[in-house]
């Protein structure tokens, strides 16, 4: 893993989510998993947010990528 690459996008994603900016959170998480495809926590968080938006198929794909 390359922590300096994905942490900057994972942390803002969580802040965005907390403030209700789910689209921003998704953007950050998608970048985080693009930079570090094995970052399970980012995939899982992406799945949670996508599921909350009713995007079931994308959420399932994110959850599968987390395992």
C-alpha atoms as a PDB file:
ATOM      1  CA  UNK A   1       0.000   0.000   0.000  1.00  0.00           C
ATOM      2  CA  UNK A   2       1.008   3.579  -0.563  1.00  0.00           C
ATOM      3  CA  UNK A   3      -0.465   5.421   2.423  1.00  0.00           C
ATOM      4  CA  UNK A   4       0.511   8.910   1.295  1.00  0.00           C
ATOM      5  CA  UNK A   5      -1.473   8.448  -1.897  1.00  0.00           C
ATOM      6  CA  UNK A   6      -4.780   7.177  -0.612  1.00  0.00           C
ATOM      7  CA  UNK A   7      -5.099   8.588   2.904  1.00  0.00           C
ATOM      8  CA  UNK A   8      -5.499  12.162   1.639  1.00  0.00           C
ATOM      9  CA  UNK A   9      -8.546  11.034  -0.320  1.00  0.00           C
ATOM     10  CA  UNK A  10      -9.978   8.688   2.292  1.00  0.00           C
ATOM     11  CA  UNK A  11     -10.028  11.215   5.136  1.00  0.00           C
ATOM     12  CA  UNK A  12     -11.765  13.971   3.128  1.00  0.00           C
ATOM     13  CA  UNK A  13     -14.294  11.377   1.992  1.00  0.00           C
ATOM     14  CA  UNK A  14     -15.234  10.657   5.578  1.00  0.00           C
ATOM     15  CA  UNK A  15     -15.480  14.377   6.371  1.00  0.00           C
ATOM     16  CA  UNK A  16     -17.603  14.960   3.268  1.00  0.00           C
ATOM     17  CA  UNK A  17     -19.878  12.118   4.299  1.00  0.00           C
ATOM     18  CA  UNK A  18     -20.279  13.484   7.819  1.00  0.00           C
ATOM     19  CA  UNK A  19     -21.315  16.860   6.405  1.00  0.00           C
ATOM     20  CA  UNK A  20     -23.810  15.285   4.018  1.00  0.00           C
ATOM     21  CA  UNK A  21     -21.761  15.741   0.853  1.00  0.00           C
ATOM     22  CA  UNK A  22     -22.207  12.180  -0.346  1.00  0.00           C
ATOM     23  CA  UNK A  23     -21.290  12.984  -3.946  1.00  0.00           C
ATOM     24  CA  UNK A  24     -18.006  14.454  -2.721  1.00  0.00           C
ATOM     25  CA  UNK A  25     -17.397  11.430  -0.523  1.00  0.00           C
ATOM     26  CA  UNK A  26     -17.960   9.106  -3.471  1.00  0.00           C
ATOM     27  CA  UNK A  27     -15.506  11.102  -5.610  1.00  0.00           C
ATOM     28  CA  UNK A  28     -12.806  10.897  -2.936  1.00  0.00           C
ATOM     29  CA  UNK A  29     -13.375   7.206  -2.274  1.00  0.00           C
ATOM     30  CA  UNK A  30     -13.344   6.330  -5.956  1.00  0.00           C
ATOM     31  CA  UNK A  31     -10.006   8.109  -6.259  1.00  0.00           C
ATOM     32  CA  UNK A  32      -8.672   6.317  -3.175  1.00  0.00           C
ATOM     33  CA  UNK A  33      -9.546   2.865  -4.526  1.00  0.00           C
ATOM     34  CA  UNK A  34      -8.246   3.776  -7.972  1.00  0.00           C
ATOM     35  CA  UNK A  35      -4.882   4.680  -6.430  1.00  0.00           C
ATOM     36  CA  UNK A  36      -4.834   1.711  -4.050  1.00  0.00           C
ATOM     37  CA  UNK A  37      -7.145  -1.064  -5.298  1.00  0.00           C
ATOM     38  CA  UNK A  38      -6.488  -3.278  -2.248  1.00  0.00           C
ATOM     39  CA  UNK A  39      -7.624  -0.627   0.263  1.00  0.00           C
ATOM     40  CA  UNK A  40     -10.551  -2.625   1.652  1.00  0.00           C
ATOM     41  CA  UNK A  41     -11.793   0.047   4.056  1.00  0.00           C
ATOM     42  CA  UNK A  42     -12.218   2.556   1.235  1.00  0.00           C
ATOM     43  CA  UNK A  43     -14.130  -0.005  -0.857  1.00  0.00           C
ATOM     44  CA  UNK A  44     -16.349  -0.786   2.134  1.00  0.00           C
ATOM     45  CA  UNK A  45     -17.032   2.879   2.880  1.00  0.00           C
ATOM     46  CA  UNK A  46     -17.802   3.459  -0.792  1.00  0.00           C
ATOM     47  CA  UNK A  47     -20.291   0.584  -0.675  1.00  0.00           C
ATOM     48  CA  UNK A  48     -22.003   2.001   2.402  1.00  0.00           C
ATOM     49  CA  UNK A  49     -22.431   5.419   0.819  1.00  0.00           C
ATOM     50  CA  UNK A  50     -23.582   4.036  -2.533  1.00  0.00           C
ATOM     51  CA  UNK A  51     -26.117   1.810  -0.747  1.00  0.00           C
ATOM     52  CA  UNK A  52     -27.445   4.829   1.172  1.00  0.00           C
ATOM     53  CA  UNK A  53     -27.983   6.547  -2.195  1.00  0.00           C
ATOM     54  CA  UNK A  54     -29.962   3.577  -3.507  1.00  0.00           C
ATOM     55  CA  UNK A  55     -27.209   2.571  -5.942  1.00  0.00           C
ATOM     56  CA  UNK A  56     -27.440  -1.119  -5.104  1.00  0.00           C
ATOM     57  CA  UNK A  57     -25.449  -2.599  -7.999  1.00  0.00           C
ATOM     58  CA  UNK A  58     -22.535  -0.211  -7.528  1.00  0.00           C
ATOM     59  CA  UNK A  59     -22.651  -0.789  -3.771  1.00  0.00           C
ATOM     60  CA  UNK A  60     -22.484  -4.566  -4.198  1.00  0.00           C
ATOM     61  CA  UNK A  61     -19.488  -4.172  -6.529  1.00  0.00           C
ATOM     62  CA  UNK A  62     -17.722  -2.006  -3.946  1.00  0.00           C
ATOM     63  CA  UNK A  63     -18.458  -4.487  -1.140  1.00  0.00           C
ATOM     64  CA  UNK A  64     -17.151  -7.361  -3.277  1.00  0.00           C
ATOM     65  CA  UNK A  65     -13.962  -5.434  -3.982  1.00  0.00           C
ATOM     66  CA  UNK A  66     -13.482  -4.999  -0.226  1.00  0.00           C
ATOM     67  CA  UNK A  67     -13.091  -8.737   0.363  1.00  0.00           C
END
